[in-house]
Amino acid sequence: MFTDLLSTKIGNSAGFRLPAEFYQEHPQFANADGWIEVLSPDTAILRIVPQLDDAEDSVLMRLFLDFAMTEALKNNTLQPYTIKMSEAARKLIADVELADESSEDGDRSP
């Protein structure tokens, strides 16, 4: 889902405003912090980080997501995930069976 950002004046600064519908559909982003990362002269990504209850998990997840985002954005090689990619992935795992992980003796071998 894409949401239009509305440019607005905030005090002596300029900013972007999200419509109320965005927060109705995604309440986890209300009162969240965020930032904008410029990818190229005409492209930027807005990242909104919701406040999480567990501070330790939040820090670890944020560090992981920051690393993943940095790696994904290197050399501008980020590509959209397509239906064709999804179908190829489904074919790769179509015949995979998971072993029962709840064996009584703790042995997880197949």
C-alpha atoms as a PDB file:
ATOM      1  CA  MET A   1       0.000   0.000   0.000  1.00  0.00           C
ATOM      2  CA  PHE A   2       1.277   3.442  -0.877  1.00  0.00           C
ATOM      3  CA  THR A   3       0.188   6.518   1.031  1.00  0.00           C
ATOM      4  CA  ASP A   4       0.584  10.051  -0.257  1.00  0.00           C
ATOM      5  CA  LEU A   5       2.625  12.351   1.975  1.00  0.00           C
ATOM      6  CA  LEU A   6       1.360  15.901   2.196  1.00  0.00           C
ATOM      7  CA  SER A   7       3.978  18.657   2.323  1.00  0.00           C
ATOM      8  CA  THR A   8       3.211  21.223   5.014  1.00  0.00           C
ATOM      9  CA  LYS A   9       4.791  24.042   6.985  1.00  0.00           C
ATOM     10  CA  ILE A  10       5.527  23.166  10.616  1.00  0.00           C
ATOM     11  CA  GLY A  11       6.576  26.276  12.544  1.00  0.00           C
ATOM     12  CA  ASN A  12       9.638  27.648  10.721  1.00  0.00           C
ATOM     13  CA  SER A  13      10.328  24.267   9.116  1.00  0.00           C
ATOM     14  CA  ALA A  14       8.794  22.222   6.341  1.00  0.00           C
ATOM     15  CA  GLY A  15       7.564  18.692   6.859  1.00  0.00           C
ATOM     16  CA  PHE A  16       5.394  15.885   5.623  1.00  0.00           C
ATOM     17  CA  ARG A  17       2.024  14.932   7.022  1.00  0.00           C
ATOM     18  CA  LEU A  18       0.393  11.534   6.721  1.00  0.00           C
ATOM     19  CA  PRO A  19      -3.390  11.345   6.335  1.00  0.00           C
ATOM     20  CA  ALA A  20      -5.473  10.114   9.289  1.00  0.00           C
ATOM     21  CA  GLU A  21      -6.439   6.998   7.290  1.00  0.00           C
ATOM     22  CA  PHE A  22      -2.811   5.840   7.408  1.00  0.00           C
ATOM     23  CA  TYR A  23      -2.857   5.759  11.219  1.00  0.00           C
ATOM     24  CA  GLN A  24      -6.280   4.116  11.255  1.00  0.00           C
ATOM     25  CA  GLU A  25      -4.941   1.281   9.086  1.00  0.00           C
ATOM     26  CA  HIS A  26      -1.554   1.146  10.871  1.00  0.00           C
ATOM     27  CA  PRO A  27      -2.023   2.217  14.509  1.00  0.00           C
ATOM     28  CA  GLN A  28       1.415   0.846  15.462  1.00  0.00           C
ATOM     29  CA  PHE A  29       2.989   3.909  13.802  1.00  0.00           C
ATOM     30  CA  ALA A  30       1.127   6.514  15.862  1.00  0.00           C
ATOM     31  CA  ASN A  31       3.661   8.605  17.838  1.00  0.00           C
ATOM     32  CA  ALA A  32       6.542   6.608  16.345  1.00  0.00           C
ATOM     33  CA  ASP A  33       9.959   8.008  15.477  1.00  0.00           C
ATOM     34  CA  GLY A  34      11.400   7.818  12.000  1.00  0.00           C
ATOM     35  CA  TRP A  35      13.785   9.191   9.437  1.00  0.00           C
ATOM     36  CA  ILE A  36      14.217   9.675   5.721  1.00  0.00           C
ATOM     37  CA  GLU A  37      17.085   8.092   3.791  1.00  0.00           C
ATOM     38  CA  VAL A  38      17.930   9.647   0.433  1.00  0.00           C
ATOM     39  CA  LEU A  39      18.648   6.984  -2.189  1.00  0.00           C
ATOM     40  CA  SER A  40      19.224   9.209  -5.201  1.00  0.00           C
ATOM     41  CA  PRO A  41      18.582  12.845  -6.175  1.00  0.00           C
ATOM     42  CA  ASP A  42      14.882  12.110  -6.742  1.00  0.00           C
ATOM     43  CA  THR A  43      14.200   9.144  -4.432  1.00  0.00           C
ATOM     44  CA  ALA A  44      13.994   8.745  -0.664  1.00  0.00           C
ATOM     45  CA  ILE A  45      12.632   6.154   1.762  1.00  0.00           C
ATOM     46  CA  LEU A  46      10.616   7.127   4.830  1.00  0.00           C
ATOM     47  CA  ARG A  47      11.204   4.738   7.708  1.00  0.00           C
ATOM     48  CA  ILE A  48       8.841   4.830  10.678  1.00  0.00           C
ATOM     49  CA  VAL A  49       9.834   2.760  13.705  1.00  0.00           C
ATOM     50  CA  PRO A  50       6.956   1.893  16.044  1.00  0.00           C
ATOM     51  CA  GLN A  51       7.510   1.911  19.801  1.00  0.00           C
ATOM     52  CA  LEU A  52       7.830  -1.665  21.056  1.00  0.00           C
ATOM     53  CA  ASP A  53       7.207  -2.951  24.566  1.00  0.00           C
ATOM     54  CA  ASP A  54      10.380  -5.026  24.999  1.00  0.00           C
ATOM     55  CA  ALA A  55      13.317  -2.595  24.836  1.00  0.00           C
ATOM     56  CA  GLU A  56      16.026  -5.262  24.412  1.00  0.00           C
ATOM     57  CA  ASP A  57      14.243  -7.001  21.538  1.00  0.00           C
ATOM     58  CA  SER A  58      13.535  -3.594  20.023  1.00  0.00           C
ATOM     59  CA  VAL A  59      17.218  -2.621  19.995  1.00  0.00           C
ATOM     60  CA  LEU A  60      18.315  -5.953  18.539  1.00  0.00           C
ATOM     61  CA  MET A  61      15.599  -5.897  15.896  1.00  0.00           C
ATOM     62  CA  ARG A  62      16.383  -2.292  14.990  1.00  0.00           C
ATOM     63  CA  LEU A  63      20.104  -3.129  14.633  1.00  0.00           C
ATOM     64  CA  PHE A  64      19.272  -6.119  12.426  1.00  0.00           C
ATOM     65  CA  LEU A  65      16.836  -4.139  10.277  1.00  0.00           C
ATOM     66  CA  ASP A  66      19.312  -1.265   9.936  1.00  0.00           C
ATOM     67  CA  PHE A  67      21.974  -3.729   8.777  1.00  0.00           C
ATOM     68  CA  ALA A  68      19.553  -5.442   6.360  1.00  0.00           C
ATOM     69  CA  MET A  69      18.410  -2.088   4.941  1.00  0.00           C
ATOM     70  CA  THR A  70      21.996  -0.880   4.480  1.00  0.00           C
ATOM     71  CA  GLU A  71      22.966  -4.086   2.672  1.00  0.00           C
ATOM     72  CA  ALA A  72      19.833  -4.029   0.511  1.00  0.00           C
ATOM     73  CA  LEU A  73      20.422  -0.433  -0.536  1.00  0.00           C
ATOM     74  CA  LYS A  74      24.098  -0.832  -1.433  1.00  0.00           C
ATOM     75  CA  ASN A  75      24.824  -0.012  -5.067  1.00  0.00           C
ATOM     76  CA  ASN A  76      21.115   0.710  -5.711  1.00  0.00           C
ATOM     77  CA  THR A  77      20.478  -2.983  -6.470  1.00  0.00           C
ATOM     78  CA  LEU A  78      17.230  -3.302  -4.509  1.00  0.00           C
ATOM     79  CA  GLN A  79      14.571  -4.964  -6.665  1.00  0.00           C
ATOM     80  CA  PRO A  80      10.877  -5.580  -6.077  1.00  0.00           C
ATOM     81  CA  TYR A  81       9.868  -9.120  -5.137  1.00  0.00           C
ATOM     82  CA  THR A  82       7.870 -10.373  -8.106  1.00  0.00           C
ATOM     83  CA  ILE A  83       5.276 -13.085  -8.618  1.00  0.00           C
ATOM     84  CA  LYS A  84       7.829 -14.919 -10.773  1.00  0.00           C
ATOM     85  CA  MET A  85      10.316 -14.919  -7.876  1.00  0.00           C
ATOM     86  CA  SER A  86       7.601 -16.173  -5.526  1.00  0.00           C
ATOM     87  CA  GLU A  87       6.686 -19.016  -7.884  1.00  0.00           C
ATOM     88  CA  ALA A  88      10.358 -20.029  -8.207  1.00  0.00           C
ATOM     89  CA  ALA A  89      10.709 -20.087  -4.410  1.00  0.00           C
ATOM     90  CA  ARG A  90       7.556 -22.192  -4.034  1.00  0.00           C
ATOM     91  CA  LYS A  91       8.899 -24.721  -6.567  1.00  0.00           C
ATOM     92  CA  LEU A  92      12.153 -24.998  -4.605  1.00  0.00           C
ATOM     93  CA  ILE A  93      10.372 -25.936  -1.383  1.00  0.00           C
ATOM     94  CA  ALA A  94       7.384 -27.808  -2.841  1.00  0.00           C
ATOM     95  CA  ASP A  95       8.552 -31.306  -1.840  1.00  0.00           C
ATOM     96  CA  VAL A  96      10.300 -30.359   1.403  1.00  0.00           C
ATOM     97  CA  GLU A  97       8.967 -32.116   4.494  1.00  0.00           C
ATOM     98  CA  LEU A  98       9.808 -30.990   8.005  1.00  0.00           C
ATOM     99  CA  ALA A  99      10.704 -33.597  10.607  1.00  0.00           C
ATOM    100  CA  ASP A 100       8.701 -33.606  13.825  1.00  0.00           C
ATOM    101  CA  GLU A 101      10.744 -31.464  16.219  1.00  0.00           C
ATOM    102  CA  SER A 102       8.928 -32.677  19.326  1.00  0.00           C
ATOM    103  CA  SER A 103      10.457 -36.150  19.615  1.00  0.00           C
ATOM    104  CA  GLU A 104      10.440 -37.618  23.141  1.00  0.00           C
ATOM    105  CA  ASP A 105      14.174 -38.416  23.392  1.00  0.00           C
ATOM    106  CA  GLY A 106      15.261 -34.990  22.116  1.00  0.00           C
ATOM    107  CA  ASP A 107      16.835 -36.448  18.964  1.00  0.00           C
ATOM    108  CA  ARG A 108      16.141 -34.110  16.054  1.00  0.00           C
ATOM    109  CA  SER A 109      17.689 -36.244  13.351  1.00  0.00           C
ATOM    110  CA  PRO A 110      15.430 -37.152  10.421  1.00  0.00           C
END
